[in-house]
Structures are given as C-alpha cells and as structure tokens.
Amino acid sequence: MLLYPKEVIKKTEAWFEDDAQAKKWLENNNYEELMELKDAIGRYPKAFEFLLVNKHLVLAAFVNAVWEDTKAFQLLMDKKEFNWAAMANLINGDEKAKIFLNKNNLSLYANLALKIQAKIRRDLDKGTGLFNSGPFKLEK
C-alpha cells in the first residue's frame, strides 16, 4: 500500500491550498509526484504524463478514479490501494469513505481528500473558458 509520512501528507495538503513553501518543500525532498498530483487532478496532461512516465501508477489511477473512471478505481482495489480508492470516493461525495479512512487510522488521507475536493470545487467555481473546457486544460 502506497503510504507517505505524515509530514509529506501535510505538505501536500498545503500545496493543494496553493502554499508555495509547501511546493518547494515537496520539491526539495524529492516528492515531485505529489507536486504533479495537484496539476494532474486539475486535468493538465503534462502532469498526468509525468505520473505515468515515472511509474507513479497508483497516483495516476487515483487521478482517474477522482474523475469517476471505474476501471481506474478497480485497479486501485485490485492493487489493494484501499486508502487511495477511499479518497477518490470521498472526493466524489461518499461519506462512508471518510469513516473507512478514519477507522483505519488514515485520517490524514481523509483530510487530504477533502483538500483535493475543495480545490476541485474552487477550480469549477472559477469556470472554464472555451479553451479550457473538456477533459484536459491548456498548459500553464
């Protein structure tokens, strides 16, 4: 099961809230995949490609599961990545997923999922223009 240390998850949470210092910390401590996770969730293709090319397949499957790809979700389940599967479900509104995470001492992951959900909602509230619609956005 892909688990990160508490400090790494906390920095990732902060990065999802646009904390530049958290991003720098992730970069300096070789957690580039978690830096890219934010943009991959935001549907930027180069970030998603980074996850695939660098064999962060659990994170890539998680990104797709967040966007309700049932095959990606099944891959997480088959690989016994229940924490990432539950996070995707929580982001998609399944409160039982939060109970599962908390019950299994994975409340840090529940909190991260809620930060990701909030980021997605903020991005959706901003709306997308004609050139940023569809499954992927233009590069930054």
C-alpha atoms as a PDB file:
ATOM      1  CA  MET A   1       0.000   0.000   0.000  1.00  0.00           C
ATOM      2  CA  LEU A   2       1.341   3.406  -1.007  1.00  0.00           C
ATOM      3  CA  LEU A   3       1.639   5.430   2.192  1.00  0.00           C
ATOM      4  CA  TYR A   4       3.549   8.648   2.773  1.00  0.00           C
ATOM      5  CA  PRO A   5       4.880  10.030   6.076  1.00  0.00           C
ATOM      6  CA  LYS A   6       2.644  12.430   7.996  1.00  0.00           C
ATOM      7  CA  GLU A   7       4.781  15.485   7.196  1.00  0.00           C
ATOM      8  CA  VAL A   8       4.633  14.713   3.468  1.00  0.00           C
ATOM      9  CA  ILE A   9       0.836  14.453   3.523  1.00  0.00           C
ATOM     10  CA  LYS A  10       0.586  17.723   5.467  1.00  0.00           C
ATOM     11  CA  LYS A  11       2.812  19.484   2.919  1.00  0.00           C
ATOM     12  CA  THR A  12       0.728  18.019   0.097  1.00  0.00           C
ATOM     13  CA  GLU A  13      -2.434  19.355   1.760  1.00  0.00           C
ATOM     14  CA  ALA A  14      -0.825  22.788   1.972  1.00  0.00           C
ATOM     15  CA  TRP A  15       0.225  22.585  -1.687  1.00  0.00           C
ATOM     16  CA  PHE A  16      -3.394  21.894  -2.670  1.00  0.00           C
ATOM     17  CA  GLU A  17      -4.173  25.193  -0.936  1.00  0.00           C
ATOM     18  CA  ASP A  18      -1.542  26.918  -3.128  1.00  0.00           C
ATOM     19  CA  ASP A  19       1.139  27.210  -0.431  1.00  0.00           C
ATOM     20  CA  ALA A  20       4.330  27.899  -2.431  1.00  0.00           C
ATOM     21  CA  GLN A  21       6.550  26.962   0.521  1.00  0.00           C
ATOM     22  CA  ALA A  22       4.896  23.541   0.685  1.00  0.00           C
ATOM     23  CA  LYS A  23       5.564  23.067  -3.021  1.00  0.00           C
ATOM     24  CA  LYS A  24       9.225  23.960  -2.514  1.00  0.00           C
ATOM     25  CA  TRP A  25       9.448  21.543   0.424  1.00  0.00           C
ATOM     26  CA  LEU A  26       7.984  18.723  -1.684  1.00  0.00           C
ATOM     27  CA  GLU A  27      10.436  19.526  -4.465  1.00  0.00           C
ATOM     28  CA  ASN A  28      13.446  19.742  -2.140  1.00  0.00           C
ATOM     29  CA  ASN A  29      12.524  16.434  -0.513  1.00  0.00           C
ATOM     30  CA  ASN A  30      12.033  14.548  -3.785  1.00  0.00           C
ATOM     31  CA  TYR A  31       8.240  14.250  -3.756  1.00  0.00           C
ATOM     32  CA  GLU A  32       7.761  15.641  -7.249  1.00  0.00           C
ATOM     33  CA  GLU A  33       4.955  13.162  -7.860  1.00  0.00           C
ATOM     34  CA  LEU A  34       2.883  14.887  -5.182  1.00  0.00           C
ATOM     35  CA  MET A  35       3.650  18.282  -6.696  1.00  0.00           C
ATOM     36  CA  GLU A  36       2.429  16.974 -10.053  1.00  0.00           C
ATOM     37  CA  LEU A  37      -0.616  15.327  -8.468  1.00  0.00           C
ATOM     38  CA  LYS A  38      -2.190  18.737  -7.981  1.00  0.00           C
ATOM     39  CA  ASP A  39      -1.996  19.608 -11.669  1.00  0.00           C
ATOM     40  CA  ALA A  40      -2.922  16.087 -12.749  1.00  0.00           C
ATOM     41  CA  ILE A  41      -6.108  16.362 -10.660  1.00  0.00           C
ATOM     42  CA  GLY A  42      -6.634  19.722 -12.363  1.00  0.00           C
ATOM     43  CA  ARG A  43      -6.572  17.871 -15.720  1.00  0.00           C
ATOM     44  CA  TYR A  44      -3.254  19.189 -17.008  1.00  0.00           C
ATOM     45  CA  PRO A  45      -1.953  16.485 -19.354  1.00  0.00           C
ATOM     46  CA  LYS A  46       1.770  17.036 -18.763  1.00  0.00           C
ATOM     47  CA  ALA A  47       1.337  16.451 -15.038  1.00  0.00           C
ATOM     48  CA  PHE A  48      -0.614  13.256 -15.679  1.00  0.00           C
ATOM     49  CA  GLU A  49       2.010  12.163 -18.189  1.00  0.00           C
ATOM     50  CA  PHE A  50       4.694  12.752 -15.541  1.00  0.00           C
ATOM     51  CA  LEU A  51       2.910  10.332 -13.214  1.00  0.00           C
ATOM     52  CA  LEU A  52       2.710   7.676 -15.914  1.00  0.00           C
ATOM     53  CA  VAL A  53       6.244   8.062 -17.299  1.00  0.00           C
ATOM     54  CA  ASN A  54       7.744   7.981 -13.810  1.00  0.00           C
ATOM     55  CA  LYS A  55       5.692   4.915 -12.880  1.00  0.00           C
ATOM     56  CA  HIS A  56       3.525   6.555 -10.218  1.00  0.00           C
ATOM     57  CA  LEU A  57       0.708   4.319 -11.392  1.00  0.00           C
ATOM     58  CA  VAL A  58      -1.227   4.373  -8.133  1.00  0.00           C
ATOM     59  CA  LEU A  59      -1.371   8.158  -8.239  1.00  0.00           C
ATOM     60  CA  ALA A  60      -2.317   8.122 -11.929  1.00  0.00           C
ATOM     61  CA  ALA A  61      -5.121   5.636 -11.229  1.00  0.00           C
ATOM     62  CA  PHE A  62      -6.213   7.801  -8.292  1.00  0.00           C
ATOM     63  CA  VAL A  63      -6.459  10.862 -10.560  1.00  0.00           C
ATOM     64  CA  ASN A  64      -8.656   8.977 -12.997  1.00  0.00           C
ATOM     65  CA  ALA A  65     -10.740   7.482 -10.189  1.00  0.00           C
ATOM     66  CA  VAL A  66     -11.387  11.008  -8.889  1.00  0.00           C
ATOM     67  CA  TRP A  67     -12.885  11.757 -12.309  1.00  0.00           C
ATOM     68  CA  GLU A  68     -15.080   8.653 -11.920  1.00  0.00           C
ATOM     69  CA  ASP A  69     -13.158   6.245 -14.153  1.00  0.00           C
ATOM     70  CA  THR A  70     -14.449   2.885 -12.921  1.00  0.00           C
ATOM     71  CA  LYS A  71     -11.524   0.941 -14.400  1.00  0.00           C
ATOM     72  CA  ALA A  72      -9.030   3.148 -12.549  1.00  0.00           C
ATOM     73  CA  PHE A  73     -10.992   2.654  -9.335  1.00  0.00           C
ATOM     74  CA  GLN A  74     -10.987  -1.111  -9.882  1.00  0.00           C
ATOM     75  CA  LEU A  75      -7.228  -1.026 -10.447  1.00  0.00           C
ATOM     76  CA  LEU A  76      -6.790   0.655  -7.056  1.00  0.00           C
ATOM     77  CA  MET A  77      -8.933  -2.033  -5.451  1.00  0.00           C
ATOM     78  CA  ASP A  78      -7.108  -4.865  -7.235  1.00  0.00           C
ATOM     79  CA  LYS A  79      -3.759  -3.487  -6.080  1.00  0.00           C
ATOM     80  CA  LYS A  80      -5.149  -3.203  -2.537  1.00  0.00           C
ATOM     81  CA  GLU A  81      -4.669   0.568  -2.551  1.00  0.00           C
ATOM     82  CA  PHE A  82      -7.780   0.967  -0.436  1.00  0.00           C
ATOM     83  CA  ASN A  83      -6.695   4.313   1.002  1.00  0.00           C
ATOM     84  CA  TRP A  84      -6.447   5.888  -2.471  1.00  0.00           C
ATOM     85  CA  ALA A  85      -9.703   4.273  -3.586  1.00  0.00           C
ATOM     86  CA  ALA A  86     -11.456   5.564  -0.475  1.00  0.00           C
ATOM     87  CA  MET A  87     -10.000   9.033  -1.055  1.00  0.00           C
ATOM     88  CA  ALA A  88     -11.431   9.062  -4.595  1.00  0.00           C
ATOM     89  CA  ASN A  89     -14.814   8.013  -3.234  1.00  0.00           C
ATOM     90  CA  LEU A  90     -14.689  10.680  -0.518  1.00  0.00           C
ATOM     91  CA  ILE A  91     -13.855  13.356  -3.096  1.00  0.00           C
ATOM     92  CA  ASN A  92     -16.890  12.170  -5.051  1.00  0.00           C
ATOM     93  CA  GLY A  93     -19.157  12.594  -2.025  1.00  0.00           C
ATOM     94  CA  ASP A  94     -19.140   9.163  -0.342  1.00  0.00           C
ATOM     95  CA  GLU A  95     -19.114   9.934   3.389  1.00  0.00           C
ATOM     96  CA  LYS A  96     -18.662   6.229   4.195  1.00  0.00           C
ATOM     97  CA  ALA A  97     -15.200   6.516   2.651  1.00  0.00           C
ATOM     98  CA  LYS A  98     -14.279   9.069   5.330  1.00  0.00           C
ATOM     99  CA  ILE A  99     -15.478   6.672   8.030  1.00  0.00           C
ATOM    100  CA  PHE A 100     -13.366   3.891   6.477  1.00  0.00           C
ATOM    101  CA  LEU A 101     -10.254   6.076   6.385  1.00  0.00           C
ATOM    102  CA  ASN A 102     -10.704   7.304   9.946  1.00  0.00           C
ATOM    103  CA  LYS A 103     -11.459   3.808  11.255  1.00  0.00           C
ATOM    104  CA  ASN A 104      -8.240   2.508   9.657  1.00  0.00           C
ATOM    105  CA  ASN A 105      -6.026   5.240  11.132  1.00  0.00           C
ATOM    106  CA  LEU A 106      -5.813   7.008   7.790  1.00  0.00           C
ATOM    107  CA  SER A 107      -7.442  10.279   8.813  1.00  0.00           C
ATOM    108  CA  LEU A 108      -4.537  12.188   7.244  1.00  0.00           C
ATOM    109  CA  TYR A 109      -5.644  10.765   3.905  1.00  0.00           C
ATOM    110  CA  ALA A 110      -9.250  11.757   4.588  1.00  0.00           C
ATOM    111  CA  ASN A 111      -8.089  15.312   5.277  1.00  0.00           C
ATOM    112  CA  LEU A 112      -6.021  15.349   2.088  1.00  0.00           C
ATOM    113  CA  ALA A 113      -9.026  14.099   0.104  1.00  0.00           C
ATOM    114  CA  LEU A 114     -11.135  16.938   1.485  1.00  0.00           C
ATOM    115  CA  LYS A 115      -8.435  19.463   0.487  1.00  0.00           C
ATOM    116  CA  ILE A 116      -8.393  17.994  -3.011  1.00  0.00           C
ATOM    117  CA  GLN A 117     -12.196  18.131  -3.160  1.00  0.00           C
ATOM    118  CA  ALA A 118     -12.104  21.794  -2.097  1.00  0.00           C
ATOM    119  CA  LYS A 119      -9.508  22.567  -4.785  1.00  0.00           C
ATOM    120  CA  ILE A 120     -11.637  20.898  -7.459  1.00  0.00           C
ATOM    121  CA  ARG A 121     -14.672  22.877  -6.327  1.00  0.00           C
ATOM    122  CA  ARG A 122     -12.698  26.157  -6.343  1.00  0.00           C
ATOM    123  CA  ASP A 123     -11.499  25.403  -9.859  1.00  0.00           C
ATOM    124  CA  LEU A 124     -15.040  24.580 -11.002  1.00  0.00           C
ATOM    125  CA  ASP A 125     -16.346  27.780  -9.413  1.00  0.00           C
ATOM    126  CA  LYS A 126     -13.860  29.773 -11.472  1.00  0.00           C
ATOM    127  CA  GLY A 127     -15.475  28.240 -14.525  1.00  0.00           C
ATOM    128  CA  THR A 128     -13.682  27.200 -17.630  1.00  0.00           C
ATOM    129  CA  GLY A 129     -13.424  29.270 -20.745  1.00  0.00           C
ATOM    130  CA  LEU A 130     -13.880  27.932 -24.221  1.00  0.00           C
ATOM    131  CA  PHE A 131     -10.193  26.993 -24.414  1.00  0.00           C
ATOM    132  CA  ASN A 132     -10.072  25.226 -21.054  1.00  0.00           C
ATOM    133  CA  SER A 133     -13.111  23.006 -21.414  1.00  0.00           C
ATOM    134  CA  GLY A 134     -13.089  19.280 -21.968  1.00  0.00           C
ATOM    135  CA  PRO A 135     -11.142  16.550 -20.211  1.00  0.00           C
ATOM    136  CA  PHE A 136      -7.814  18.450 -20.267  1.00  0.00           C
ATOM    137  CA  LYS A 137      -6.822  22.065 -19.833  1.00  0.00           C
ATOM    138  CA  LEU A 138      -4.288  24.100 -21.693  1.00  0.00           C
ATOM    139  CA  GLU A 139      -0.833  24.093 -20.170  1.00  0.00           C
ATOM    140  CA  LYS A 140       0.048  26.715 -17.609  1.00  0.00           C
END
